[in-house]
Amino acid sequence: MNLKVDRVPSDGYWSNYWLKAPVHFGNINPRPTPDILFSLLYSSDAPWNESQYKSEKFDSMMVEARGALDEEKRTAMYWEMQEMIANEAGTIIPAYISNVDAVSNKLGGLKANPLGGMMGYAFAEYVWLNA
């Protein structure tokens, strides 16, 4: 595959290239549920649908999974939806990022947060150093 890489100015990226250029490389911060990611990135009317993925089956499964009370059924549906994205959507994942929090007994207030490492990157608002 031959790719022509266009370096574009950062000050106009979001308004001039994002969601308009045919290929994007980026990252998405962690989210607490698969439904949030599917809703933001892969439903047919998703506001951040970079891959322009559209599937009536995916959309209906997303709504059904969102309301499923049976955790095993919901998990199986999410797995199938992820397989659909892997096989049908134009998403390139160049790297997987691991977040690891490290703490000390001198630090107070730090708690796990499903929005990312260090309390969703907002730890400075909630932690303190013990004297």
Protein backbone atom coordinates (compact mmCIF):
# COMPACT_ATOMS: atom_id res chain seq x y z
CA MET A 1 0.00 0.00 0.00
CA ASN A 2 1.42 3.36 -0.99
CA LEU A 3 0.35 6.25 1.19
CA LYS A 4 0.93 9.91 0.52
CA VAL A 5 1.28 11.62 3.87
CA ASP A 6 0.07 15.21 3.94
CA ARG A 7 1.35 17.20 6.90
CA VAL A 8 -1.27 19.81 7.69
CA PRO A 9 -1.18 22.81 10.02
CA SER A 10 -2.45 22.05 13.49
CA ASP A 11 -4.39 25.30 13.75
CA GLY A 12 -6.77 24.25 10.98
CA TYR A 13 -6.81 20.48 11.44
CA TRP A 14 -10.14 20.16 13.24
CA SER A 15 -12.03 22.49 10.92
CA ASN A 16 -10.35 21.71 7.59
CA TYR A 17 -9.28 18.04 7.69
CA TRP A 18 -10.88 16.08 10.52
CA LEU A 19 -13.86 14.06 9.25
CA LYS A 20 -13.11 15.32 5.72
CA ALA A 21 -9.84 13.60 4.76
CA PRO A 22 -10.11 9.90 3.78
CA VAL A 23 -7.71 8.58 6.46
CA HIS A 24 -6.91 9.72 9.98
CA PHE A 25 -4.50 8.54 12.64
CA GLY A 26 -5.35 9.47 16.16
CA ASN A 27 -6.33 8.13 19.52
CA ILE A 28 -9.42 8.00 21.68
CA ASN A 29 -9.17 8.35 25.42
CA PRO A 30 -10.67 5.52 27.45
CA ARG A 31 -14.40 5.56 28.07
CA PRO A 32 -16.29 3.76 30.86
CA THR A 33 -18.55 1.66 28.59
CA PRO A 34 -18.39 0.17 25.09
CA ASP A 35 -21.71 1.86 24.31
CA ILE A 36 -20.16 5.31 24.63
CA LEU A 37 -17.42 4.44 22.12
CA PHE A 38 -19.86 2.81 19.71
CA SER A 39 -22.25 5.78 19.97
CA LEU A 40 -19.53 8.40 19.44
CA LEU A 41 -17.51 6.63 16.76
CA TYR A 42 -19.40 3.93 14.86
CA SER A 43 -23.17 4.39 14.82
CA SER A 44 -24.37 5.63 11.43
CA ASP A 45 -25.11 9.08 12.83
CA ALA A 46 -22.13 9.24 15.22
CA PRO A 47 -20.68 12.77 15.52
CA TRP A 48 -17.07 11.50 15.42
CA ASN A 49 -17.50 8.72 12.84
CA GLU A 50 -14.05 9.11 11.24
CA SER A 51 -14.38 5.85 9.31
CA GLN A 52 -17.80 6.83 7.88
CA TYR A 53 -18.99 3.37 8.97
CA LYS A 54 -22.69 2.81 8.40
CA SER A 55 -24.56 -0.39 9.24
CA GLU A 56 -28.24 -0.79 10.09
CA LYS A 57 -27.45 -4.09 11.82
CA PHE A 58 -24.77 -2.44 13.97
CA ASP A 59 -27.09 0.45 14.86
CA SER A 60 -29.91 -1.86 15.93
CA MET A 61 -27.55 -4.11 17.91
CA MET A 62 -26.15 -1.06 19.70
CA VAL A 63 -29.60 0.04 20.84
CA GLU A 64 -30.55 -3.51 21.86
CA ALA A 65 -27.28 -4.05 23.79
CA ARG A 66 -27.71 -0.73 25.57
CA GLY A 67 -30.99 -1.96 27.05
CA ALA A 68 -30.00 -5.59 27.65
CA LEU A 69 -30.20 -6.50 31.33
CA ASP A 70 -28.58 -9.91 30.81
CA GLU A 71 -24.86 -9.18 31.13
CA GLU A 72 -23.79 -12.29 29.20
CA LYS A 73 -26.07 -11.40 26.28
CA ARG A 74 -24.87 -7.76 26.28
CA THR A 75 -21.22 -8.86 26.38
CA ALA A 76 -21.76 -11.26 23.47
CA MET A 77 -23.42 -8.48 21.47
CA TYR A 78 -20.53 -6.10 22.18
CA TRP A 79 -18.05 -8.76 21.03
CA GLU A 80 -20.00 -9.24 17.78
CA MET A 81 -20.14 -5.48 17.26
CA GLN A 82 -16.37 -5.21 17.74
CA GLU A 83 -15.88 -7.96 15.15
CA MET A 84 -18.12 -6.05 12.74
CA ILE A 85 -15.98 -2.93 13.22
CA ALA A 86 -12.74 -4.90 12.75
CA ASN A 87 -14.02 -6.50 9.54
CA GLU A 88 -16.09 -3.71 8.01
CA ALA A 89 -15.02 -0.27 9.29
CA GLY A 90 -12.07 1.71 7.98
CA THR A 91 -10.29 2.08 11.29
CA ILE A 92 -6.52 1.83 11.66
CA ILE A 93 -5.17 1.34 15.16
CA PRO A 94 -1.42 2.03 14.95
CA ALA A 95 -0.75 1.49 18.67
CA TYR A 96 -2.43 0.45 21.87
CA ILE A 97 -1.67 2.70 24.80
CA SER A 98 -1.52 1.35 28.35
CA ASN A 99 -2.16 3.65 31.27
CA VAL A 100 -0.59 2.76 34.58
CA ASP A 101 -1.04 4.85 37.72
CA ALA A 102 1.75 4.80 40.31
CA VAL A 103 1.12 6.05 43.82
CA SER A 104 2.86 6.63 47.11
CA ASN A 105 1.57 6.66 50.69
CA LYS A 106 2.41 10.39 50.60
CA LEU A 107 -0.40 10.94 48.07
CA GLY A 108 -4.03 11.23 49.15
CA GLY A 109 -7.27 11.31 47.19
CA LEU A 110 -6.24 9.35 44.08
CA LYS A 111 -8.99 6.96 42.94
CA ALA A 112 -9.54 4.85 39.83
CA ASN A 113 -11.45 6.56 37.04
CA PRO A 114 -12.76 4.85 33.88
CA LEU A 115 -11.96 7.93 31.76
CA GLY A 116 -8.22 7.29 31.79
CA GLY A 117 -5.08 7.26 33.87
CA MET A 118 -4.53 9.61 36.76
CA MET A 119 -8.28 10.07 37.36
CA GLY A 120 -9.11 10.81 33.74
CA TYR A 121 -6.17 13.24 33.56
CA ALA A 122 -7.83 15.45 36.18
CA PHE A 123 -5.92 14.16 39.22
CA ALA A 124 -4.50 17.59 40.10
CA GLU A 125 -8.02 18.71 41.01
CA TYR A 126 -8.55 15.90 43.54
CA VAL A 127 -5.27 14.81 45.13
CA TRP A 128 -3.05 16.18 47.84
CA LEU A 129 0.28 15.39 49.45
CA ASN A 130 0.12 14.14 53.01
CA ALA A 131 2.39 15.92 55.42
